[in-house]
Amino acid sequence: MSVRALEKPEEVSASEFQSLEEKIYKTIELLKSAREAKTHAERDVKRLREQLHDRDDEFEQMKSQLVTLRKEREEVRSRVEKMLERIDALTAAESEA
């Protein structure tokens, strides 16, 4: 601090003090709003993470089900091909007789 500041402190007018007070209250309100927004955002993030986790579980279940269905399809295809081969063999045997 300068010697001058120690000798004669600056006087603050009532209007300047009131203006400063208003700025402080506005800052407090902005801080409250920011904290509230942060709380909402954190809640949304938590909810979205839970949904993502649920979707991941559902995806894994569907993937497993798809693998099972593909295996079943291949088994059915193989059985149908064998039946068709037998029918062809029977048809060929009848035409030869």
C-alpha atoms as a PDB file:
ATOM      1  CA  MET A   1       0.000   0.000   0.000  1.00  0.00           C
ATOM      2  CA  SER A   2       1.064   3.496  -0.602  1.00  0.00           C
ATOM      3  CA  VAL A   3       1.550   5.987   2.176  1.00  0.00           C
ATOM      4  CA  ARG A   4      -1.197   8.088   0.680  1.00  0.00           C
ATOM      5  CA  ALA A   5      -3.713   5.243   0.952  1.00  0.00           C
ATOM      6  CA  LEU A   6      -2.889   4.832   4.613  1.00  0.00           C
ATOM      7  CA  GLU A   7      -3.203   8.535   5.291  1.00  0.00           C
ATOM      8  CA  LYS A   8      -6.550   9.136   3.625  1.00  0.00           C
ATOM      9  CA  PRO A   9      -8.781   6.158   2.882  1.00  0.00           C
ATOM     10  CA  GLU A  10     -11.026   6.591  -0.121  1.00  0.00           C
ATOM     11  CA  GLU A  11     -14.579   7.199   0.739  1.00  0.00           C
ATOM     12  CA  VAL A  12     -17.181   5.058  -0.937  1.00  0.00           C
ATOM     13  CA  SER A  13     -20.433   6.714  -1.768  1.00  0.00           C
ATOM     14  CA  ALA A  14     -23.705   5.090  -0.808  1.00  0.00           C
ATOM     15  CA  SER A  15     -24.603   4.536  -4.453  1.00  0.00           C
ATOM     16  CA  GLU A  16     -21.264   2.838  -5.140  1.00  0.00           C
ATOM     17  CA  PHE A  17     -21.730   0.618  -2.096  1.00  0.00           C
ATOM     18  CA  GLN A  18     -25.269  -0.233  -3.193  1.00  0.00           C
ATOM     19  CA  SER A  19     -24.028  -1.049  -6.696  1.00  0.00           C
ATOM     20  CA  LEU A  20     -21.350  -3.323  -5.258  1.00  0.00           C
ATOM     21  CA  GLU A  21     -23.908  -4.954  -2.986  1.00  0.00           C
ATOM     22  CA  GLU A  22     -26.194  -5.619  -5.980  1.00  0.00           C
ATOM     23  CA  LYS A  23     -23.307  -7.155  -7.915  1.00  0.00           C
ATOM     24  CA  ILE A  24     -22.525  -9.443  -4.975  1.00  0.00           C
ATOM     25  CA  TYR A  25     -26.171 -10.569  -4.731  1.00  0.00           C
ATOM     26  CA  LYS A  26     -26.287 -11.196  -8.485  1.00  0.00           C
ATOM     27  CA  THR A  27     -23.088 -13.214  -8.202  1.00  0.00           C
ATOM     28  CA  ILE A  28     -24.599 -15.242  -5.354  1.00  0.00           C
ATOM     29  CA  GLU A  29     -27.722 -15.940  -7.430  1.00  0.00           C
ATOM     30  CA  LEU A  30     -25.581 -16.948 -10.421  1.00  0.00           C
ATOM     31  CA  LEU A  31     -23.608 -19.280  -8.179  1.00  0.00           C
ATOM     32  CA  LYS A  32     -26.816 -20.836  -6.851  1.00  0.00           C
ATOM     33  CA  SER A  33     -28.110 -21.314 -10.404  1.00  0.00           C
ATOM     34  CA  ALA A  34     -24.814 -22.822 -11.513  1.00  0.00           C
ATOM     35  CA  ARG A  35     -24.798 -25.248  -8.585  1.00  0.00           C
ATOM     36  CA  GLU A  36     -28.397 -26.243  -9.314  1.00  0.00           C
ATOM     37  CA  ALA A  37     -27.576 -26.769 -12.992  1.00  0.00           C
ATOM     38  CA  LYS A  38     -24.571 -28.850 -12.010  1.00  0.00           C
ATOM     39  CA  THR A  39     -26.742 -31.001  -9.739  1.00  0.00           C
ATOM     40  CA  HIS A  40     -29.254 -31.547 -12.550  1.00  0.00           C
ATOM     41  CA  ALA A  41     -26.476 -32.350 -15.004  1.00  0.00           C
ATOM     42  CA  GLU A  42     -24.900 -34.859 -12.605  1.00  0.00           C
ATOM     43  CA  ARG A  43     -28.314 -36.497 -12.093  1.00  0.00           C
ATOM     44  CA  ASP A  44     -28.820 -36.688 -15.866  1.00  0.00           C
ATOM     45  CA  VAL A  45     -25.364 -38.167 -16.356  1.00  0.00           C
ATOM     46  CA  LYS A  46     -26.063 -40.816 -13.718  1.00  0.00           C
ATOM     47  CA  ARG A  47     -29.408 -41.688 -15.336  1.00  0.00           C
ATOM     48  CA  LEU A  48     -27.860 -41.862 -18.795  1.00  0.00           C
ATOM     49  CA  ARG A  49     -25.019 -44.061 -17.559  1.00  0.00           C
ATOM     50  CA  GLU A  50     -27.548 -46.435 -16.017  1.00  0.00           C
ATOM     51  CA  GLN A  51     -29.504 -46.509 -19.273  1.00  0.00           C
ATOM     52  CA  LEU A  52     -26.314 -47.165 -21.213  1.00  0.00           C
ATOM     53  CA  HIS A  53     -25.432 -50.009 -18.865  1.00  0.00           C
ATOM     54  CA  ASP A  54     -28.926 -51.468 -19.299  1.00  0.00           C
ATOM     55  CA  ARG A  55     -28.628 -51.154 -23.084  1.00  0.00           C
ATOM     56  CA  ASP A  56     -25.241 -52.881 -22.972  1.00  0.00           C
ATOM     57  CA  ASP A  57     -26.770 -55.771 -21.018  1.00  0.00           C
ATOM     58  CA  GLU A  58     -29.690 -55.944 -23.445  1.00  0.00           C
ATOM     59  CA  PHE A  59     -27.288 -55.848 -26.400  1.00  0.00           C
ATOM     60  CA  GLU A  60     -25.259 -58.735 -24.987  1.00  0.00           C
ATOM     61  CA  GLN A  61     -28.422 -60.780 -24.445  1.00  0.00           C
ATOM     62  CA  MET A  62     -29.606 -60.096 -27.984  1.00  0.00           C
ATOM     63  CA  LYS A  63     -26.202 -60.943 -29.383  1.00  0.00           C
ATOM     64  CA  SER A  64     -26.258 -64.260 -27.539  1.00  0.00           C
ATOM     65  CA  GLN A  65     -29.793 -64.936 -28.760  1.00  0.00           C
ATOM     66  CA  LEU A  66     -28.724 -64.154 -32.332  1.00  0.00           C
ATOM     67  CA  VAL A  67     -25.876 -66.657 -32.128  1.00  0.00           C
ATOM     68  CA  THR A  68     -28.300 -69.292 -30.821  1.00  0.00           C
ATOM     69  CA  LEU A  69     -30.807 -68.555 -33.588  1.00  0.00           C
ATOM     70  CA  ARG A  70     -28.108 -68.781 -36.260  1.00  0.00           C
ATOM     71  CA  LYS A  71     -27.009 -72.168 -34.921  1.00  0.00           C
ATOM     72  CA  GLU A  72     -30.620 -73.365 -34.939  1.00  0.00           C
ATOM     73  CA  ARG A  73     -31.060 -72.104 -38.493  1.00  0.00           C
ATOM     74  CA  GLU A  74     -27.991 -74.005 -39.639  1.00  0.00           C
ATOM     75  CA  GLU A  75     -29.267 -77.168 -37.946  1.00  0.00           C
ATOM     76  CA  VAL A  76     -32.662 -76.811 -39.640  1.00  0.00           C
ATOM     77  CA  ARG A  77     -30.984 -76.110 -42.993  1.00  0.00           C
ATOM     78  CA  SER A  78     -28.852 -79.211 -42.618  1.00  0.00           C
ATOM     79  CA  ARG A  79     -31.862 -81.378 -41.734  1.00  0.00           C
ATOM     80  CA  VAL A  80     -33.890 -80.028 -44.667  1.00  0.00           C
ATOM     81  CA  GLU A  81     -30.982 -80.678 -47.038  1.00  0.00           C
ATOM     82  CA  LYS A  82     -30.741 -84.272 -45.777  1.00  0.00           C
ATOM     83  CA  MET A  83     -34.508 -84.754 -46.266  1.00  0.00           C
ATOM     84  CA  LEU A  84     -34.265 -83.332 -49.793  1.00  0.00           C
ATOM     85  CA  GLU A  85     -31.378 -85.684 -50.571  1.00  0.00           C
ATOM     86  CA  ARG A  86     -33.481 -88.648 -49.380  1.00  0.00           C
ATOM     87  CA  ILE A  87     -36.438 -87.488 -51.473  1.00  0.00           C
ATOM     88  CA  ASP A  88     -34.147 -87.144 -54.491  1.00  0.00           C
ATOM     89  CA  ALA A  89     -32.773 -90.642 -53.842  1.00  0.00           C
ATOM     90  CA  LEU A  90     -36.286 -92.082 -53.582  1.00  0.00           C
ATOM     91  CA  THR A  91     -37.394 -90.267 -56.735  1.00  0.00           C
ATOM     92  CA  ALA A  92     -34.327 -91.506 -58.591  1.00  0.00           C
ATOM     93  CA  ALA A  93     -34.920 -95.082 -57.399  1.00  0.00           C
ATOM     94  CA  GLU A  94     -38.566 -94.947 -58.566  1.00  0.00           C
ATOM     95  CA  SER A  95     -37.586 -93.702 -62.016  1.00  0.00           C
ATOM     96  CA  GLU A  96     -35.055 -96.493 -62.407  1.00  0.00           C
ATOM     97  CA  ALA A  97     -37.622 -99.154 -61.511  1.00  0.00           C
END
